[in-house]
Amino acid sequence: MKLSRVLIAVIACGSFVLAQEAAAPAPAKAEKAAKKEAAMTISGTVVSADASTIIVKTKKGEDTLAIDAAAKIMIGKKEAAAADLKADMKVMVTCKTVDGKKVATKISESAAKAEKTTKKTTEATTSTSTTTTTEPAAAPAAAPEKKAEAAPAVAPAKK
């Protein structure tokens, strides 16, 4: 009888411990969800944009993002409005996930595009003409000719 009481007590304690362990992963799942809502960065080319939405073409496909009302939009070093975003503009978008949707918090013209624009402007303003004269290359030295030895004439075979 004592053995059965001890056994019941052990089973009850074991069940209690297992119930506590099962409840513990719930906060871990909440932490993972919070990490997913952390900021992420998307780089690509603008397909289209309006005051509340931007579509960015990335290497993996197209991403549609809502634009937060407080989003900071930078074109070059100047702050701009969402309407200033044009198709084919290279952008870097910082966003977060809210209710399963991506929301842009910062949009900036990517550095690669800015460098290309600067380079084109520099090339256009500093064009110089250079005249180059080329002379024909000297002919390669001729190899000494070998005298062909006369091969003996072969008479046709008689049948």
Protein backbone atom coordinates (compact mmCIF):
# COMPACT_ATOMS: atom_id res chain seq x y z
CA MET A 1 0.00 0.00 0.00
CA LYS A 2 2.80 2.37 0.86
CA LEU A 3 4.48 1.50 -2.39
CA SER A 4 1.41 2.51 -4.41
CA ARG A 5 1.20 5.86 -2.59
CA VAL A 6 4.85 6.55 -3.31
CA LEU A 7 4.35 5.55 -6.92
CA ILE A 8 1.35 7.89 -7.28
CA ALA A 9 3.34 10.74 -5.72
CA VAL A 10 6.24 10.16 -8.14
CA ILE A 11 3.89 10.10 -11.13
CA ALA A 12 2.18 13.29 -9.95
CA CYS A 13 5.52 15.10 -9.53
CA GLY A 14 6.72 13.85 -12.92
CA SER A 15 3.53 15.10 -14.57
CA PHE A 16 3.96 18.49 -12.89
CA VAL A 17 7.57 18.79 -14.16
CA LEU A 18 6.55 17.80 -17.69
CA ALA A 19 3.72 20.35 -17.64
CA GLN A 20 6.18 23.09 -16.63
CA GLU A 21 8.57 22.17 -19.45
CA ALA A 22 5.74 22.19 -21.98
CA ALA A 23 4.72 25.70 -20.90
CA ALA A 24 8.29 27.06 -21.09
CA PRO A 25 8.70 26.96 -24.93
CA ALA A 26 5.84 29.45 -25.40
CA PRO A 27 8.01 32.44 -24.36
CA ALA A 28 10.77 31.15 -26.64
CA LYS A 29 8.33 31.22 -29.56
CA ALA A 30 7.38 34.78 -28.65
CA GLU A 31 11.07 35.75 -28.67
CA LYS A 32 11.52 34.21 -32.12
CA ALA A 33 8.50 36.14 -33.40
CA ALA A 34 9.95 39.34 -31.96
CA LYS A 35 13.24 38.67 -33.72
CA LYS A 36 11.38 38.23 -37.01
CA GLU A 37 9.89 41.67 -36.48
CA ALA A 38 13.40 43.07 -36.15
CA ALA A 39 14.62 45.30 -38.96
CA MET A 40 15.81 43.67 -42.18
CA THR A 41 17.30 45.17 -45.33
CA ILE A 42 16.21 44.63 -48.92
CA SER A 43 18.30 45.83 -51.88
CA GLY A 44 17.03 46.03 -55.42
CA THR A 45 15.48 48.14 -58.15
CA VAL A 46 12.24 50.10 -57.84
CA VAL A 47 9.50 48.65 -60.04
CA SER A 48 6.92 51.20 -58.90
CA ALA A 49 6.18 53.42 -55.93
CA ASP A 50 3.39 55.65 -54.66
CA ALA A 51 2.73 57.46 -51.38
CA SER A 52 1.95 54.27 -49.43
CA THR A 53 3.53 51.33 -51.29
CA ILE A 54 6.81 50.43 -53.00
CA ILE A 55 7.55 47.38 -55.14
CA VAL A 56 11.24 46.40 -55.24
CA LYS A 57 12.70 43.85 -57.66
CA THR A 58 15.40 41.77 -55.95
CA LYS A 59 17.48 38.81 -57.07
CA LYS A 60 14.84 36.50 -55.55
CA GLY A 61 11.82 38.21 -57.12
CA GLU A 62 9.61 41.17 -56.29
CA ASP A 63 8.82 42.44 -52.78
CA THR A 64 5.83 44.66 -52.11
CA LEU A 65 6.21 46.83 -49.01
CA ALA A 66 3.94 49.32 -47.31
CA ILE A 67 5.68 52.65 -46.62
CA ASP A 68 5.44 53.76 -43.00
CA ALA A 69 4.08 57.30 -42.58
CA ALA A 70 7.23 58.19 -40.62
CA ALA A 71 9.61 56.49 -43.08
CA LYS A 72 12.79 58.39 -43.93
CA ILE A 73 13.35 58.54 -47.69
CA MET A 74 16.77 59.68 -48.93
CA ILE A 75 17.80 60.32 -52.53
CA GLY A 76 21.49 61.11 -52.55
CA LYS A 77 22.06 63.23 -49.45
CA LYS A 78 18.65 64.92 -49.61
CA GLU A 79 15.47 63.88 -47.86
CA ALA A 80 12.67 63.16 -50.33
CA ALA A 81 9.05 62.05 -50.54
CA ALA A 82 7.78 58.65 -51.67
CA ALA A 83 6.55 60.28 -54.88
CA ASP A 84 10.18 61.09 -55.76
CA LEU A 85 11.02 57.37 -56.06
CA LYS A 86 11.24 56.46 -59.74
CA ALA A 87 11.23 53.15 -61.60
CA ASP A 88 14.67 51.56 -62.19
CA MET A 89 16.16 53.46 -59.22
CA LYS A 90 18.53 51.29 -57.15
CA VAL A 91 17.41 51.37 -53.52
CA MET A 92 18.18 49.89 -50.12
CA VAL A 93 15.05 49.48 -47.98
CA THR A 94 15.09 48.91 -44.23
CA CYS A 95 11.84 47.29 -43.16
CA LYS A 96 10.10 45.40 -40.38
CA THR A 97 7.31 42.86 -40.40
CA VAL A 98 4.03 44.02 -38.87
CA ASP A 99 1.06 41.63 -38.84
CA GLY A 100 2.78 39.48 -41.47
CA LYS A 101 3.36 42.41 -43.87
CA LYS A 102 6.64 44.16 -44.66
CA VAL A 103 6.65 47.85 -43.76
CA ALA A 104 9.45 50.13 -45.03
CA THR A 105 10.92 52.38 -42.33
CA LYS A 106 13.83 53.78 -44.36
CA ILE A 107 14.39 53.95 -48.12
CA SER A 108 17.60 55.25 -49.61
CA GLU A 109 19.10 55.34 -53.05
CA SER A 110 21.85 52.71 -52.95
CA ALA A 111 25.51 53.76 -53.05
CA ALA A 112 26.17 51.85 -56.29
CA LYS A 113 23.71 54.06 -58.16
CA ALA A 114 25.13 57.24 -56.63
CA GLU A 115 28.69 56.25 -57.62
CA LYS A 116 27.61 55.59 -61.21
CA THR A 117 25.89 58.98 -61.39
CA THR A 118 28.99 60.73 -60.03
CA LYS A 119 31.26 58.85 -62.42
CA LYS A 120 29.09 59.72 -65.45
CA THR A 121 29.03 63.39 -64.43
CA THR A 122 32.80 63.44 -63.97
CA GLU A 123 33.37 61.78 -67.34
CA ALA A 124 31.03 64.22 -69.07
CA THR A 125 32.74 67.29 -67.62
CA THR A 126 36.33 66.15 -68.07
CA SER A 127 36.39 64.86 -71.60
CA THR A 128 39.72 65.39 -73.31
CA SER A 129 40.85 64.43 -76.75
CA THR A 130 44.02 62.49 -77.24
CA THR A 131 45.63 61.86 -80.61
CA THR A 132 47.50 58.64 -80.99
CA THR A 133 49.63 57.78 -83.97
CA THR A 134 50.52 54.24 -84.68
CA GLU A 135 53.23 52.97 -86.98
CA PRO A 136 52.95 49.68 -88.73
CA ALA A 137 54.72 46.89 -86.92
CA ALA A 138 57.96 45.61 -88.36
CA ALA A 139 57.64 42.46 -90.38
CA PRO A 140 58.87 39.37 -88.55
CA ALA A 141 62.29 38.15 -89.54
CA ALA A 142 62.11 35.54 -92.25
CA ALA A 143 63.42 32.11 -91.39
CA PRO A 144 66.22 30.92 -93.62
CA GLU A 145 64.82 28.83 -96.40
CA LYS A 146 65.86 25.21 -96.52
CA LYS A 147 66.94 23.89 -99.85
CA ALA A 148 64.68 21.13 -100.88
CA GLU A 149 66.61 18.11 -101.99
CA ALA A 150 65.44 16.72 -105.26
CA ALA A 151 63.54 13.57 -104.66
CA PRO A 152 64.28 10.76 -107.03
CA ALA A 153 61.59 10.37 -109.62
CA VAL A 154 59.60 7.23 -109.22
CA ALA A 155 58.72 5.42 -112.37
CA PRO A 156 55.25 4.00 -112.63
CA ALA A 157 55.08 0.28 -112.03
CA LYS A 158 54.54 -1.92 -115.07
CA LYS A 159 51.77 -4.40 -115.15
